[in-house]
């Protein structure tokens, strides 16, 4: 859900800036899926190196990867509201801190 919302919010932002083109939807989706895939592969590699085994691990890791987009969506909305760069930076730091 967060992945689809991110794609729509990115399209909304470009539309409000009068730069929208339908290819923005596919470009945003491709970038977002690559981020989720890269995150999954890095965590999977870490689990392999640490010899962590479990059942249903693949679905859990992909689901966890989607939560990264919640902070990005909040940051995009703050950019759309245009409340100033200080507020934007605070929301960015607040939203991205749990994922670092």
Protein backbone atom coordinates (compact mmCIF):
# COMPACT_ATOMS: atom_id res chain seq x y z
CA UNK A 1 0.00 0.00 0.00
CA UNK A 2 2.79 2.41 0.86
CA UNK A 3 4.50 1.60 -2.41
CA UNK A 4 1.43 2.49 -4.47
CA UNK A 5 0.81 5.60 -2.37
CA UNK A 6 4.40 6.70 -2.95
CA UNK A 7 3.97 6.34 -6.71
CA UNK A 8 0.76 8.37 -6.66
CA UNK A 9 2.20 11.10 -4.42
CA UNK A 10 5.28 11.40 -6.64
CA UNK A 11 2.98 11.77 -9.67
CA UNK A 12 0.88 14.33 -7.78
CA UNK A 13 3.95 16.36 -6.93
CA UNK A 14 5.13 16.47 -10.54
CA UNK A 15 1.60 17.30 -11.66
CA UNK A 16 1.41 20.26 -9.29
CA UNK A 17 4.74 21.45 -10.66
CA UNK A 18 3.22 21.15 -14.16
CA UNK A 19 5.83 18.58 -15.23
CA UNK A 20 3.60 15.49 -15.27
CA UNK A 21 4.01 12.87 -17.94
CA UNK A 22 2.57 9.33 -17.80
CA UNK A 23 6.09 7.89 -17.84
CA UNK A 24 6.61 9.34 -14.38
CA UNK A 25 4.33 6.64 -12.98
CA UNK A 26 6.41 3.84 -14.47
CA UNK A 27 9.71 5.50 -13.55
CA UNK A 28 8.60 5.97 -9.94
CA UNK A 29 7.35 2.38 -9.76
CA UNK A 30 10.59 1.03 -11.19
CA UNK A 31 12.73 3.04 -8.76
CA UNK A 32 10.58 2.02 -5.82
CA UNK A 33 10.65 -1.66 -6.74
CA UNK A 34 14.42 -1.53 -7.21
CA UNK A 35 14.78 -0.02 -3.73
CA UNK A 36 12.64 -2.78 -2.21
CA UNK A 37 14.53 -5.46 -4.14
CA UNK A 38 17.94 -4.07 -3.21
CA UNK A 39 16.93 -3.79 0.44
CA UNK A 40 15.63 -7.36 0.37
CA UNK A 41 18.82 -8.69 -1.19
CA UNK A 42 21.06 -6.87 1.29
CA UNK A 43 19.09 -8.11 4.29
CA UNK A 44 18.94 -11.62 2.84
CA UNK A 45 22.73 -11.53 2.32
CA UNK A 46 23.18 -10.39 5.93
CA UNK A 47 20.96 -13.21 7.16
CA UNK A 48 23.02 -15.69 5.16
CA UNK A 49 26.31 -14.36 6.51
CA UNK A 50 25.01 -14.46 10.08
CA UNK A 51 23.43 -17.89 9.52
CA UNK A 52 19.94 -16.70 10.47
CA UNK A 53 17.28 -19.16 9.35
CA UNK A 54 13.53 -18.98 9.58
CA UNK A 55 10.28 -19.86 7.89
CA UNK A 56 8.33 -17.21 6.00
CA UNK A 57 11.30 -14.88 6.10
CA UNK A 58 10.97 -13.73 2.48
CA UNK A 59 7.44 -12.35 2.87
CA UNK A 60 8.32 -10.65 6.15
CA UNK A 61 11.35 -8.93 4.64
CA UNK A 62 9.43 -7.66 1.61
CA UNK A 63 6.61 -6.40 3.85
CA UNK A 64 9.12 -4.62 6.06
CA UNK A 65 10.70 -3.04 3.00
CA UNK A 66 7.42 -1.28 2.21
CA UNK A 67 7.50 0.66 5.47
CA UNK A 68 10.40 2.73 4.18
CA UNK A 69 7.98 4.53 1.89
CA UNK A 70 5.83 5.86 4.75
CA UNK A 71 8.53 8.35 5.73
CA UNK A 72 9.12 9.28 2.11
CA UNK A 73 5.38 9.94 1.67
CA UNK A 74 5.31 12.18 4.76
CA UNK A 75 8.33 14.06 3.46
CA UNK A 76 6.71 14.51 0.04
CA UNK A 77 3.54 15.89 1.65
CA UNK A 78 5.58 18.38 3.68
CA UNK A 79 7.23 19.48 0.46
CA UNK A 80 3.80 19.94 -1.11
CA UNK A 81 2.58 22.05 1.83
CA UNK A 82 5.63 24.31 1.47
CA UNK A 83 5.97 25.18 5.16
CA UNK A 84 9.64 26.07 4.89
CA UNK A 85 12.90 24.23 4.62
CA UNK A 86 13.37 23.89 8.39
CA UNK A 87 10.03 22.12 8.82
CA UNK A 88 10.77 19.95 5.79
CA UNK A 89 14.17 18.97 7.23
CA UNK A 90 12.69 18.16 10.65
CA UNK A 91 10.01 15.92 9.13
CA UNK A 92 12.62 14.24 6.96
CA UNK A 93 14.89 13.48 9.92
CA UNK A 94 11.94 12.37 12.07
CA UNK A 95 10.51 10.11 9.38
CA UNK A 96 13.77 8.51 8.28
CA UNK A 97 15.47 8.00 11.66
CA UNK A 98 13.75 4.67 12.47
CA UNK A 99 14.98 3.14 9.21
CA UNK A 100 18.65 3.99 9.53
